[in-house]
Amino acid sequence: GQVRYAIEGREAVVSMSISSKYRGRGFGSQGIRMTCGELFKNNEID
């Protein structure tokens, strides 16, 4: 799937999609958490 972020000032807005064949396996929450961590480490957002 994919996770996208739009940075707006000190916040970001996230959107995501998971391929239909992989839904229901926990990839969504795992991908969100991993990419959030990277976004916070590499950007000055709150």
PDB file of all heavy atoms in Angstrom:
ATOM      1  N   GLY A   1       0.837  -1.196   0.000  1.00  0.00           N
ATOM      2  CA  GLY A   1       0.000   0.000   0.000  1.00  0.00           C
ATOM      3  C   GLY A   1       0.866   1.237   0.000  1.00  0.00           C
ATOM      4  O   GLY A   1       2.066   1.170  -0.266  1.00  0.00           O
ATOM      5  N   GLN A   2       0.224   2.349   0.329  1.00  0.00           N
ATOM      6  CA  GLN A   2       0.971   3.606   0.381  1.00  0.00           C
ATOM      7  C   GLN A   2       0.421   4.492   1.493  1.00  0.00           C
ATOM      8  O   GLN A   2      -0.751   4.420   1.835  1.00  0.00           O
ATOM      9  CB  GLN A   2       0.900   4.331  -0.949  1.00  0.00           C
ATOM     10  CG  GLN A   2      -0.481   4.738  -1.376  1.00  0.00           C
ATOM     11  CD  GLN A   2      -0.464   5.431  -2.729  1.00  0.00           C
ATOM     12  OE1 GLN A   2       0.580   5.714  -3.296  1.00  0.00           O
ATOM     13  NE2 GLN A   2      -1.634   5.718  -3.240  1.00  0.00           N
ATOM     14  N   VAL A   3       1.320   5.298   2.059  1.00  0.00           N
ATOM     15  CA  VAL A   3       0.965   6.283   3.060  1.00  0.00           C
ATOM     16  C   VAL A   3       1.506   7.617   2.547  1.00  0.00           C
ATOM     17  O   VAL A   3       2.668   7.699   2.141  1.00  0.00           O
ATOM     18  CB  VAL A   3       1.589   5.942   4.440  1.00  0.00           C
ATOM     19  CG1 VAL A   3       1.150   6.949   5.483  1.00  0.00           C
ATOM     20  CG2 VAL A   3       1.234   4.526   4.876  1.00  0.00           C
ATOM     21  N   ARG A   4       0.636   8.630   2.543  1.00  0.00           N
ATOM     22  CA  ARG A   4       1.031   9.954   2.051  1.00  0.00           C
ATOM     23  C   ARG A   4       0.835  10.993   3.152  1.00  0.00           C
ATOM     24  O   ARG A   4      -0.107  10.871   3.949  1.00  0.00           O
ATOM     25  CB  ARG A   4       0.167  10.338   0.841  1.00  0.00           C
ATOM     26  CG  ARG A   4       0.344   9.439  -0.351  1.00  0.00           C
ATOM     27  CD  ARG A   4      -0.645   9.786  -1.470  1.00  0.00           C
ATOM     28  NE  ARG A   4      -2.039   9.712  -1.083  1.00  0.00           N
ATOM     29  CZ  ARG A   4      -2.763   8.590  -1.019  1.00  0.00           C
ATOM     30  NH1 ARG A   4      -2.204   7.435  -1.294  1.00  0.00           N
ATOM     31  NH2 ARG A   4      -4.030   8.618  -0.671  1.00  0.00           N
ATOM     32  N   TYR A   5       1.715  11.991   3.161  1.00  0.00           N
ATOM     33  CA  TYR A   5       1.622  13.077   4.135  1.00  0.00           C
ATOM     34  C   TYR A   5       1.670  14.414   3.424  1.00  0.00           C
ATOM     35  O   TYR A   5       2.493  14.609   2.523  1.00  0.00           O
ATOM     36  CB  TYR A   5       2.786  13.005   5.131  1.00  0.00           C
ATOM     37  CG  TYR A   5       2.721  11.791   6.014  1.00  0.00           C
ATOM     38  CD1 TYR A   5       3.371  10.616   5.661  1.00  0.00           C
ATOM     39  CD2 TYR A   5       1.998  11.816   7.198  1.00  0.00           C
ATOM     40  CE1 TYR A   5       3.299   9.489   6.469  1.00  0.00           C
ATOM     41  CE2 TYR A   5       1.926  10.696   8.010  1.00  0.00           C
ATOM     42  CZ  TYR A   5       2.577   9.543   7.635  1.00  0.00           C
ATOM     43  OH  TYR A   5       2.502   8.430   8.438  1.00  0.00           O
ATOM     44  N   ALA A   6       0.815  15.325   3.845  1.00  0.00           N
ATOM     45  CA  ALA A   6       0.842  16.714   3.370  1.00  0.00           C
ATOM     46  C   ALA A   6       1.167  17.575   4.582  1.00  0.00           C
ATOM     47  O   ALA A   6       0.377  17.645   5.531  1.00  0.00           O
ATOM     48  CB  ALA A   6      -0.498  17.107   2.769  1.00  0.00           C
ATOM     49  N   ILE A   7       2.345  18.187   4.574  1.00  0.00           N
ATOM     50  CA  ILE A   7       2.762  19.012   5.711  1.00  0.00           C
ATOM     51  C   ILE A   7       2.143  20.392   5.562  1.00  0.00           C
ATOM     52  O   ILE A   7       2.250  21.033   4.516  1.00  0.00           O
ATOM     53  CB  ILE A   7       4.300  19.091   5.799  1.00  0.00           C
ATOM     54  CG1 ILE A   7       4.849  17.688   6.059  1.00  0.00           C
ATOM     55  CG2 ILE A   7       4.732  20.073   6.890  1.00  0.00           C
ATOM     56  CD1 ILE A   7       6.363  17.589   6.043  1.00  0.00           C
ATOM     57  N   GLU A   8       1.477  20.816   6.647  1.00  0.00           N
ATOM     58  CA  GLU A   8       0.813  22.116   6.694  1.00  0.00           C
ATOM     59  C   GLU A   8       1.250  22.813   7.979  1.00  0.00           C
ATOM     60  O   GLU A   8       0.671  22.581   9.035  1.00  0.00           O
ATOM     61  CB  GLU A   8      -0.699  21.938   6.651  1.00  0.00           C
ATOM     62  CG  GLU A   8      -1.180  21.225   5.398  1.00  0.00           C
ATOM     63  CD  GLU A   8      -2.658  20.854   5.437  1.00  0.00           C
ATOM     64  OE1 GLU A   8      -3.319  21.078   6.476  1.00  0.00           O
ATOM     65  OE2 GLU A   8      -3.145  20.334   4.429  1.00  0.00           O
ATOM     66  N   GLY A   9       2.286  23.625   7.902  1.00  0.00           N
ATOM     67  CA  GLY A   9       2.812  24.294   9.091  1.00  0.00           C
ATOM     68  C   GLY A   9       3.480  23.292  10.013  1.00  0.00           C
ATOM     69  O   GLY A   9       4.364  22.549   9.613  1.00  0.00           O
ATOM     70  N   ARG A  10       3.029  23.243  11.259  1.00  0.00           N
ATOM     71  CA  ARG A  10       3.611  22.349  12.263  1.00  0.00           C
ATOM     72  C   ARG A  10       2.869  21.014  12.364  1.00  0.00           C
ATOM     73  O   ARG A  10       3.115  20.234  13.285  1.00  0.00           O
ATOM     74  CB  ARG A  10       3.626  23.027  13.634  1.00  0.00           C
ATOM     75  CG  ARG A  10       4.424  24.315  13.718  1.00  0.00           C
ATOM     76  CD  ARG A  10       5.891  24.130  13.756  1.00  0.00           C
ATOM     77  NE  ARG A  10       6.315  23.320  14.889  1.00  0.00           N
ATOM     78  CZ  ARG A  10       7.572  23.007  15.135  1.00  0.00           C
ATOM     79  NH1 ARG A  10       8.530  23.436  14.338  1.00  0.00           N
ATOM     80  NH2 ARG A  10       7.900  22.252  16.152  1.00  0.00           N
ATOM     81  N   GLU A  11       1.932  20.783  11.438  1.00  0.00           N
ATOM     82  CA  GLU A  11       1.193  19.529  11.404  1.00  0.00           C
ATOM     83  C   GLU A  11       1.271  18.911  10.013  1.00  0.00           C
ATOM     84  O   GLU A  11       1.596  19.578   9.043  1.00  0.00           O
ATOM     85  CB  GLU A  11      -0.290  19.746  11.730  1.00  0.00           C
ATOM     86  CG  GLU A  11      -0.576  19.987  13.172  1.00  0.00           C
ATOM     87  CD  GLU A  11      -2.072  20.011  13.445  1.00  0.00           C
ATOM     88  OE1 GLU A  11      -2.901  19.738  12.563  1.00  0.00           O
ATOM     89  OE2 GLU A  11      -2.396  20.330  14.599  1.00  0.00           O
ATOM     90  N   ALA A  12       0.930  17.643   9.959  1.00  0.00           N
ATOM     91  CA  ALA A  12       0.808  16.951   8.676  1.00  0.00           C
ATOM     92  C   ALA A  12      -0.556  16.269   8.650  1.00  0.00           C
ATOM     93  O   ALA A  12      -1.106  15.914   9.689  1.00  0.00           O
ATOM     94  CB  ALA A  12       1.916  15.920   8.501  1.00  0.00           C
ATOM     95  N   VAL A  13      -1.074  16.112   7.450  1.00  0.00           N
ATOM     96  CA  VAL A  13      -2.310  15.365   7.252  1.00  0.00           C
ATOM     97  C   VAL A  13      -1.930  14.087   6.517  1.00  0.00           C
ATOM     98  O   VAL A  13      -1.221  14.129   5.513  1.00  0.00           O
ATOM     99  CB  VAL A  13      -3.341  16.182   6.452  1.00  0.00           C
ATOM    100  CG1 VAL A  13      -4.590  15.353   6.180  1.00  0.00           C
ATOM    101  CG2 VAL A  13      -3.697  17.465   7.192  1.00  0.00           C
ATOM    102  N   VAL A  14      -2.390  12.961   7.028  1.00  0.00           N
ATOM    103  CA  VAL A  14      -2.027  11.659   6.481  1.00  0.00           C
ATOM    104  C   VAL A  14      -3.204  11.055   5.722  1.00  0.00           C
ATOM    105  O   VAL A  14      -4.356  11.258   6.081  1.00  0.00           O
ATOM    106  CB  VAL A  14      -1.563  10.687   7.603  1.00  0.00           C
ATOM    107  CG1 VAL A  14      -2.652  10.464   8.627  1.00  0.00           C
ATOM    108  CG2 VAL A  14      -1.095   9.367   7.033  1.00  0.00           C
ATOM    109  N   SER A  15      -2.872  10.340   4.665  1.00  0.00           N
ATOM    110  CA  SER A  15      -3.855   9.506   3.975  1.00  0.00           C
ATOM    111  C   SER A  15      -3.150   8.221   3.573  1.00  0.00           C
ATOM    112  O   SER A  15      -1.930   8.195   3.409  1.00  0.00           O
ATOM    113  CB  SER A  15      -4.443  10.218   2.758  1.00  0.00           C
ATOM    114  OG  SER A  15      -3.440  10.531   1.836  1.00  0.00           O
ATOM    115  N   MET A  16      -3.916   7.160   3.450  1.00  0.00           N
ATOM    116  CA  MET A  16      -3.297   5.874   3.134  1.00  0.00           C
ATOM    117  C   MET A  16      -4.258   4.998   2.364  1.00  0.00           C
ATOM    118  O   MET A  16      -5.460   5.212   2.374  1.00  0.00           O
ATOM    119  CB  MET A  16      -2.864   5.164   4.404  1.00  0.00           C
ATOM    120  CG  MET A  16      -4.014   4.755   5.296  1.00  0.00           C
ATOM    121  SD  MET A  16      -3.603   3.523   6.519  1.00  0.00           S
ATOM    122  CE  MET A  16      -3.195   2.147   5.528  1.00  0.00           C
ATOM    123  N   SER A  17      -3.687   4.015   1.696  1.00  0.00           N
ATOM    124  CA  SER A  17      -4.486   2.982   1.045  1.00  0.00           C
ATOM    125  C   SER A  17      -3.687   1.684   1.079  1.00  0.00           C
ATOM    126  O   SER A  17      -2.463   1.691   1.007  1.00  0.00           O
ATOM    127  CB  SER A  17      -4.838   3.370  -0.385  1.00  0.00           C
ATOM    128  OG  SER A  17      -3.673   3.495  -1.170  1.00  0.00           O
ATOM    129  N   ILE A  18      -4.400   0.602   1.236  1.00  0.00           N
ATOM    130  CA  ILE A  18      -3.804  -0.730   1.261  1.00  0.00           C
ATOM    131  C   ILE A  18      -4.418  -1.523   0.109  1.00  0.00           C
ATOM    132  O   ILE A  18      -5.635  -1.491  -0.101  1.00  0.00           O
ATOM    133  CB  ILE A  18      -4.088  -1.458   2.598  1.00  0.00           C
ATOM    134  CG1 ILE A  18      -3.511  -0.676   3.782  1.00  0.00           C
ATOM    135  CG2 ILE A  18      -3.566  -2.885   2.591  1.00  0.00           C
ATOM    136  CD1 ILE A  18      -2.009  -0.588   3.812  1.00  0.00           C
ATOM    137  N   SER A  19      -3.579  -2.242  -0.615  1.00  0.00           N
ATOM    138  CA  SER A  19      -4.049  -3.094  -1.703  1.00  0.00           C
ATOM    139  C   SER A  19      -5.099  -4.067  -1.169  1.00  0.00           C
ATOM    140  O   SER A  19      -4.942  -4.614  -0.073  1.00  0.00           O
ATOM    141  CB  SER A  19      -2.865  -3.861  -2.297  1.00  0.00           C
ATOM    142  OG  SER A  19      -3.297  -4.801  -3.246  1.00  0.00           O
ATOM    143  N   SER A  20      -6.157  -4.267  -1.924  1.00  0.00           N
ATOM    144  CA  SER A  20      -7.271  -5.102  -1.452  1.00  0.00           C
ATOM    145  C   SER A  20      -6.828  -6.505  -1.028  1.00  0.00           C
ATOM    146  O   SER A  20      -7.369  -7.065  -0.080  1.00  0.00           O
ATOM    147  CB  SER A  20      -8.365  -5.183  -2.512  1.00  0.00           C
ATOM    148  OG  SER A  20      -7.864  -5.728  -3.708  1.00  0.00           O
ATOM    149  N   LYS A  21      -5.837  -7.068  -1.670  1.00  0.00           N
ATOM    150  CA  LYS A  21      -5.419  -8.423  -1.306  1.00  0.00           C
ATOM    151  C   LYS A  21      -4.639  -8.492   0.007  1.00  0.00           C
ATOM    152  O   LYS A  21      -4.419  -9.568   0.539  1.00  0.00           O
ATOM    153  CB  LYS A  21      -4.665  -9.093  -2.454  1.00  0.00           C
ATOM    154  CG  LYS A  21      -3.255  -8.682  -2.665  1.00  0.00           C
ATOM    155  CD  LYS A  21      -2.720  -9.379  -3.923  1.00  0.00           C
ATOM    156  CE  LYS A  21      -1.323  -9.859  -3.779  1.00  0.00           C
ATOM    157  NZ  LYS A  21      -0.802 -10.507  -4.965  1.00  0.00           N
ATOM    158  N   TYR A  22      -4.234  -7.337   0.542  1.00  0.00           N
ATOM    159  CA  TYR A  22      -3.482  -7.309   1.799  1.00  0.00           C
ATOM    160  C   TYR A  22      -4.277  -6.721   2.966  1.00  0.00           C
ATOM    161  O   TYR A  22      -3.746  -6.596   4.069  1.00  0.00           O
ATOM    162  CB  TYR A  22      -2.183  -6.518   1.626  1.00  0.00           C
ATOM    163  CG  TYR A  22      -1.203  -7.212   0.721  1.00  0.00           C
ATOM    164  CD1 TYR A  22      -0.950  -6.738  -0.560  1.00  0.00           C
ATOM    165  CD2 TYR A  22      -0.544  -8.363   1.135  1.00  0.00           C
ATOM    166  CE1 TYR A  22      -0.050  -7.377  -1.401  1.00  0.00           C
ATOM    167  CE2 TYR A  22       0.355  -9.012   0.303  1.00  0.00           C
ATOM    168  CZ  TYR A  22       0.591  -8.516  -0.959  1.00  0.00           C
ATOM    169  OH  TYR A  22       1.479  -9.158  -1.790  1.00  0.00           O
ATOM    170  N   ARG A  23      -5.518  -6.343   2.740  1.00  0.00           N
ATOM    171  CA  ARG A  23      -6.320  -5.737   3.808  1.00  0.00           C
ATOM    172  C   ARG A  23      -6.657  -6.769   4.878  1.00  0.00           C
ATOM    173  O   ARG A  23      -6.752  -7.961   4.613  1.00  0.00           O
ATOM    174  CB  ARG A  23      -7.596  -5.143   3.223  1.00  0.00           C
ATOM    175  CG  ARG A  23      -7.301  -3.940   2.370  1.00  0.00           C
ATOM    176  CD  ARG A  23      -8.561  -3.323   1.808  1.00  0.00           C
ATOM    177  NE  ARG A  23      -8.167  -2.289   0.838  1.00  0.00           N
ATOM    178  CZ  ARG A  23      -8.896  -1.922  -0.173  1.00  0.00           C
ATOM    179  NH1 ARG A  23     -10.081  -2.452  -0.371  1.00  0.00           N
ATOM    180  NH2 ARG A  23      -8.450  -0.987  -1.002  1.00  0.00           N
ATOM    181  N   GLY A  24      -6.802  -6.260   6.110  1.00  0.00           N
ATOM    182  CA  GLY A  24      -7.183  -7.122   7.221  1.00  0.00           C
ATOM    183  C   GLY A  24      -6.043  -7.890   7.855  1.00  0.00           C
ATOM    184  O   GLY A  24      -6.266  -8.779   8.672  1.00  0.00           O
ATOM    185  N   ARG A  25      -4.810  -7.544   7.508  1.00  0.00           N
ATOM    186  CA  ARG A  25      -3.645  -8.259   8.049  1.00  0.00           C
ATOM    187  C   ARG A  25      -2.780  -7.401   8.973  1.00  0.00           C
ATOM    188  O   ARG A  25      -1.698  -7.808   9.364  1.00  0.00           O
ATOM    189  CB  ARG A  25      -2.768  -8.759   6.899  1.00  0.00           C
ATOM    190  CG  ARG A  25      -3.473  -9.720   5.989  1.00  0.00           C
ATOM    191  CD  ARG A  25      -2.520 -10.248   4.961  1.00  0.00           C
ATOM    192  NE  ARG A  25      -3.207 -10.969   3.906  1.00  0.00           N
ATOM    193  CZ  ARG A  25      -2.592 -11.545   2.899  1.00  0.00           C
ATOM    194  NH1 ARG A  25      -1.284 -11.495   2.798  1.00  0.00           N
ATOM    195  NH2 ARG A  25      -3.278 -12.176   1.971  1.00  0.00           N
ATOM    196  N   GLY A  26      -3.245  -6.181   9.280  1.00  0.00           N
ATOM    197  CA  GLY A  26      -2.498  -5.305  10.179  1.00  0.00           C
ATOM    198  C   GLY A  26      -1.453  -4.439   9.507  1.00  0.00           C
ATOM    199  O   GLY A  26      -0.726  -3.709  10.174  1.00  0.00           O
ATOM    200  N   PHE A  27      -1.361  -4.510   8.181  1.00  0.00           N
ATOM    201  CA  PHE A  27      -0.363  -3.697   7.477  1.00  0.00           C
ATOM    202  C   PHE A  27      -0.663  -2.201   7.582  1.00  0.00           C
ATOM    203  O   PHE A  27       0.249  -1.387   7.581  1.00  0.00           O
ATOM    204  CB  PHE A  27      -0.266  -4.094   6.001  1.00  0.00           C
ATOM    205  CG  PHE A  27       0.342  -5.443   5.769  1.00  0.00           C
ATOM    206  CD1 PHE A  27      -0.374  -6.426   5.113  1.00  0.00           C
ATOM    207  CD2 PHE A  27       1.621  -5.737   6.208  1.00  0.00           C
ATOM    208  CE1 PHE A  27       0.175  -7.683   4.890  1.00  0.00           C
ATOM    209  CE2 PHE A  27       2.184  -6.982   5.992  1.00  0.00           C
ATOM    210  CZ  PHE A  27       1.462  -7.964   5.333  1.00  0.00           C
ATOM    211  N   GLY A  28      -1.946  -1.846   7.655  1.00  0.00           N
ATOM    212  CA  GLY A  28      -2.318  -0.436   7.732  1.00  0.00           C
ATOM    213  C   GLY A  28      -1.747   0.238   8.963  1.00  0.00           C
ATOM    214  O   GLY A  28      -1.023   1.224   8.868  1.00  0.00           O
ATOM    215  N   SER A  29      -2.051  -0.304  10.137  1.00  0.00           N
ATOM    216  CA  SER A  29      -1.561   0.313  11.375  1.00  0.00           C
ATOM    217  C   SER A  29      -0.040   0.240  11.470  1.00  0.00           C
ATOM    218  O   SER A  29       0.608   1.182  11.933  1.00  0.00           O
ATOM    219  CB  SER A  29      -2.215  -0.332  12.599  1.00  0.00           C
ATOM    220  OG  SER A  29      -1.997  -1.716  12.623  1.00  0.00           O
ATOM    221  N   GLN A  30       0.536  -0.837  10.988  1.00  0.00           N
ATOM    222  CA  GLN A  30       2.000  -0.970  11.002  1.00  0.00           C
ATOM    223  C   GLN A  30       2.641   0.089  10.095  1.00  0.00           C
ATOM    224  O   GLN A  30       3.606   0.749  10.484  1.00  0.00           O
ATOM    225  CB  GLN A  30       2.393  -2.367  10.541  1.00  0.00           C
ATOM    226  CG  GLN A  30       3.874  -2.627  10.556  1.00  0.00           C
ATOM    227  CD  GLN A  30       4.210  -4.028  10.047  1.00  0.00           C
ATOM    228  OE1 GLN A  30       3.357  -4.782   9.584  1.00  0.00           O
ATOM    229  NE2 GLN A  30       5.471  -4.380  10.130  1.00  0.00           N
ATOM    230  N   GLY A  31       2.108   0.259   8.903  1.00  0.00           N
ATOM    231  CA  GLY A  31       2.650   1.255   7.970  1.00  0.00           C
ATOM    232  C   GLY A  31       2.477   2.669   8.478  1.00  0.00           C
ATOM    233  O   GLY A  31       3.371   3.508   8.343  1.00  0.00           O
ATOM    234  N   ILE A  32       1.332   2.948   9.093  1.00  0.00           N
ATOM    235  CA  ILE A  32       1.086   4.283   9.639  1.00  0.00           C
ATOM    236  C   ILE A  32       2.103   4.584  10.734  1.00  0.00           C
ATOM    237  O   ILE A  32       2.744   5.630  10.739  1.00  0.00           O
ATOM    238  CB  ILE A  32      -0.350   4.388  10.195  1.00  0.00           C
ATOM    239  CG1 ILE A  32      -1.377   4.274   9.073  1.00  0.00           C
ATOM    240  CG2 ILE A  32      -0.532   5.702  10.951  1.00  0.00           C
ATOM    241  CD1 ILE A  32      -2.788   3.983   9.567  1.00  0.00           C
ATOM    242  N   ARG A  33       2.261   3.672  11.658  1.00  0.00           N
ATOM    243  CA  ARG A  33       3.163   3.899  12.798  1.00  0.00           C
ATOM    244  C   ARG A  33       4.610   4.072  12.329  1.00  0.00           C
ATOM    245  O   ARG A  33       5.313   4.968  12.784  1.00  0.00           O
ATOM    246  CB  ARG A  33       3.059   2.737  13.783  1.00  0.00           C
ATOM    247  CG  ARG A  33       3.793   3.012  15.069  1.00  0.00           C
ATOM    248  CD  ARG A  33       2.901   2.687  16.243  1.00  0.00           C
ATOM    249  NE  ARG A  33       3.606   2.936  17.476  1.00  0.00           N
ATOM    250  CZ  ARG A  33       3.305   3.917  18.299  1.00  0.00           C
ATOM    251  NH1 ARG A  33       2.326   4.731  18.025  1.00  0.00           N
ATOM    252  NH2 ARG A  33       3.968   4.093  19.406  1.00  0.00           N
ATOM    253  N   MET A  34       5.063   3.214  11.418  1.00  0.00           N
ATOM    254  CA  MET A  34       6.449   3.307  10.929  1.00  0.00           C
ATOM    255  C   MET A  34       6.695   4.629  10.215  1.00  0.00           C
ATOM    256  O   MET A  34       7.707   5.289  10.451  1.00  0.00           O
ATOM    257  CB  MET A  34       6.746   2.159   9.970  1.00  0.00           C
ATOM    258  CG  MET A  34       6.940   0.828  10.641  1.00  0.00           C
ATOM    259  SD  MET A  34       7.201  -0.579   9.511  1.00  0.00           S
ATOM    260  CE  MET A  34       7.552   0.113   7.948  1.00  0.00           C
ATOM    261  N   THR A  35       5.778   5.022   9.347  1.00  0.00           N
ATOM    262  CA  THR A  35       5.997   6.246   8.574  1.00  0.00           C
ATOM    263  C   THR A  35       5.820   7.493   9.429  1.00  0.00           C
ATOM    264  O   THR A  35       6.492   8.494   9.199  1.00  0.00           O
ATOM    265  CB  THR A  35       5.098   6.295   7.325  1.00  0.00           C
ATOM    266  OG1 THR A  35       3.718   6.216   7.718  1.00  0.00           O
ATOM    267  CG2 THR A  35       5.422   5.162   6.371  1.00  0.00           C
ATOM    268  N   CYS A  36       4.951   7.428  10.436  1.00  0.00           N
ATOM    269  CA  CYS A  36       4.820   8.566  11.363  1.00  0.00           C
ATOM    270  C   CYS A  36       6.140   8.813  12.082  1.00  0.00           C
ATOM    271  O   CYS A  36       6.579   9.958  12.216  1.00  0.00           O
ATOM    272  CB  CYS A  36       3.725   8.306  12.397  1.00  0.00           C
ATOM    273  SG  CYS A  36       2.049   8.500  11.835  1.00  0.00           S
ATOM    274  N   GLY A  37       6.762   7.741  12.549  1.00  0.00           N
ATOM    275  CA  GLY A  37       8.051   7.878  13.232  1.00  0.00           C
ATOM    276  C   GLY A  37       9.095   8.537  12.349  1.00  0.00           C
ATOM    277  O   GLY A  37       9.824   9.434  12.784  1.00  0.00           O
ATOM    278  N   GLU A  38       9.170   8.112  11.099  1.00  0.00           N
ATOM    279  CA  GLU A  38      10.123   8.714  10.157  1.00  0.00           C
ATOM    280  C   GLU A  38       9.785  10.172   9.888  1.00  0.00           C
ATOM    281  O   GLU A  38      10.685  11.019   9.811  1.00  0.00           O
ATOM    282  CB  GLU A  38      10.140   7.927   8.847  1.00  0.00           C
ATOM    283  CG  GLU A  38      10.819   6.580   8.956  1.00  0.00           C
ATOM    284  CD  GLU A  38      12.268   6.687   9.390  1.00  0.00           C
ATOM    285  OE1 GLU A  38      13.025   7.511   8.825  1.00  0.00           O
ATOM    286  OE2 GLU A  38      12.662   5.944  10.314  1.00  0.00           O
ATOM    287  N   LEU A  39       8.514  10.472   9.745  1.00  0.00           N
ATOM    288  CA  LEU A  39       8.109  11.850   9.479  1.00  0.00           C
ATOM    289  C   LEU A  39       8.494  12.758  10.640  1.00  0.00           C
ATOM    290  O   LEU A  39       9.035  13.837  10.444  1.00  0.00           O
ATOM    291  CB  LEU A  39       6.603  11.912   9.218  1.00  0.00           C
ATOM    292  CG  LEU A  39       6.104  13.242   8.677  1.00  0.00           C
ATOM    293  CD1 LEU A  39       6.537  13.431   7.232  1.00  0.00           C
ATOM    294  CD2 LEU A  39       4.600  13.337   8.793  1.00  0.00           C
ATOM    295  N   PHE A  40       8.236  12.311  11.871  1.00  0.00           N
ATOM    296  CA  PHE A  40       8.589  13.114  13.039  1.00  0.00           C
ATOM    297  C   PHE A  40      10.102  13.296  13.166  1.00  0.00           C
ATOM    298  O   PHE A  40      10.574  14.364  13.534  1.00  0.00           O
ATOM    299  CB  PHE A  40       8.032  12.495  14.320  1.00  0.00           C
ATOM    300  CG  PHE A  40       6.565  12.714  14.527  1.00  0.00           C
ATOM    301  CD1 PHE A  40       5.726  11.646  14.776  1.00  0.00           C
ATOM    302  CD2 PHE A  40       6.012  13.983  14.467  1.00  0.00           C
ATOM    303  CE1 PHE A  40       4.373  11.837  14.978  1.00  0.00           C
ATOM    304  CE2 PHE A  40       4.658  14.197  14.661  1.00  0.00           C
ATOM    305  CZ  PHE A  40       3.839  13.114  14.918  1.00  0.00           C
ATOM    306  N   LYS A  41      10.871  12.271  12.859  1.00  0.00           N
ATOM    307  CA  LYS A  41      12.332  12.370  12.971  1.00  0.00           C
ATOM    308  C   LYS A  41      12.930  13.321  11.938  1.00  0.00           C
ATOM    309  O   LYS A  41      13.950  13.953  12.203  1.00  0.00           O
ATOM    310  CB  LYS A  41      12.971  10.988  12.791  1.00  0.00           C
ATOM    311  CG  LYS A  41      12.775  10.064  13.951  1.00  0.00           C
ATOM    312  CD  LYS A  41      13.390   8.711  13.650  1.00  0.00           C
ATOM    313  CE  LYS A  41      12.986   7.678  14.670  1.00  0.00           C
ATOM    314  NZ  LYS A  41      13.444   6.333  14.309  1.00  0.00           N
ATOM    315  N   ASN A  42      12.320  13.405  10.774  1.00  0.00           N
ATOM    316  CA  ASN A  42      12.916  14.149   9.665  1.00  0.00           C
ATOM    317  C   ASN A  42      12.256  15.479   9.352  1.00  0.00           C
ATOM    318  O   ASN A  42      12.647  16.145   8.389  1.00  0.00           O
ATOM    319  CB  ASN A  42      12.909  13.271   8.404  1.00  0.00           C
ATOM    320  CG  ASN A  42      13.772  12.045   8.583  1.00  0.00           C
ATOM    321  OD1 ASN A  42      14.929  12.140   8.953  1.00  0.00           O
ATOM    322  ND2 ASN A  42      13.205  10.873   8.359  1.00  0.00           N
ATOM    323  N   ASN A  43      11.263  15.896  10.133  1.00  0.00           N
ATOM    324  CA  ASN A  43      10.558  17.155   9.883  1.00  0.00           C
ATOM    325  C   ASN A  43      10.241  17.837  11.201  1.00  0.00           C
ATOM    326  O   ASN A  43      10.070  17.178  12.223  1.00  0.00           O
ATOM    327  CB  ASN A  43       9.253  16.901   9.119  1.00  0.00           C
ATOM    328  CG  ASN A  43       9.497  16.348   7.741  1.00  0.00           C
ATOM    329  OD1 ASN A  43       9.744  17.086   6.810  1.00  0.00           O
ATOM    330  ND2 ASN A  43       9.456  15.020   7.614  1.00  0.00           N
ATOM    331  N   GLU A  44      10.147  19.131  11.163  1.00  0.00           N
ATOM    332  CA  GLU A  44       9.817  19.888  12.367  1.00  0.00           C
ATOM    333  C   GLU A  44       8.312  20.078  12.453  1.00  0.00           C
ATOM    334  O   GLU A  44       7.783  21.156  12.204  1.00  0.00           O
ATOM    335  CB  GLU A  44      10.545  21.231  12.361  1.00  0.00           C
ATOM    336  CG  GLU A  44      12.048  21.075  12.501  1.00  0.00           C
ATOM    337  CD  GLU A  44      12.762  22.396  12.683  1.00  0.00           C
ATOM    338  OE1 GLU A  44      12.145  23.352  13.183  1.00  0.00           O
ATOM    339  OE2 GLU A  44      13.942  22.460  12.332  1.00  0.00           O
ATOM    340  N   ILE A  45       7.633  18.985  12.807  1.00  0.00           N
ATOM    341  CA  ILE A  45       6.189  19.039  13.001  1.00  0.00           C
ATOM    342  C   ILE A  45       5.866  18.522  14.391  1.00  0.00           C
ATOM    343  O   ILE A  45       6.650  17.788  14.992  1.00  0.00           O
ATOM    344  CB  ILE A  45       5.427  18.227  11.929  1.00  0.00           C
ATOM    345  CG1 ILE A  45       5.825  16.762  11.978  1.00  0.00           C
ATOM    346  CG2 ILE A  45       5.630  18.810  10.541  1.00  0.00           C
ATOM    347  CD1 ILE A  45       4.939  15.878  11.140  1.00  0.00           C
ATOM    348  N   ASP A  46       4.705  18.940  14.905  1.00  0.00           N
ATOM    349  CA  ASP A  46       4.296  18.553  16.252  1.00  0.00           C
ATOM    350  C   ASP A  46       3.267  17.429  16.263  1.00  0.00           C
ATOM    351  O   ASP A  46       3.133  16.730  17.256  1.00  0.00           O
ATOM    352  CB  ASP A  46       3.708  19.761  16.989  1.00  0.00           C
ATOM    353  CG  ASP A  46       4.733  20.869  17.152  1.00  0.00           C
ATOM    354  OD1 ASP A  46       5.900  20.559  17.449  1.00  0.00           O
ATOM    355  OD2 ASP A  46       4.366  22.043  16.968  1.00  0.00           O
TER     356      ASP A  46
END
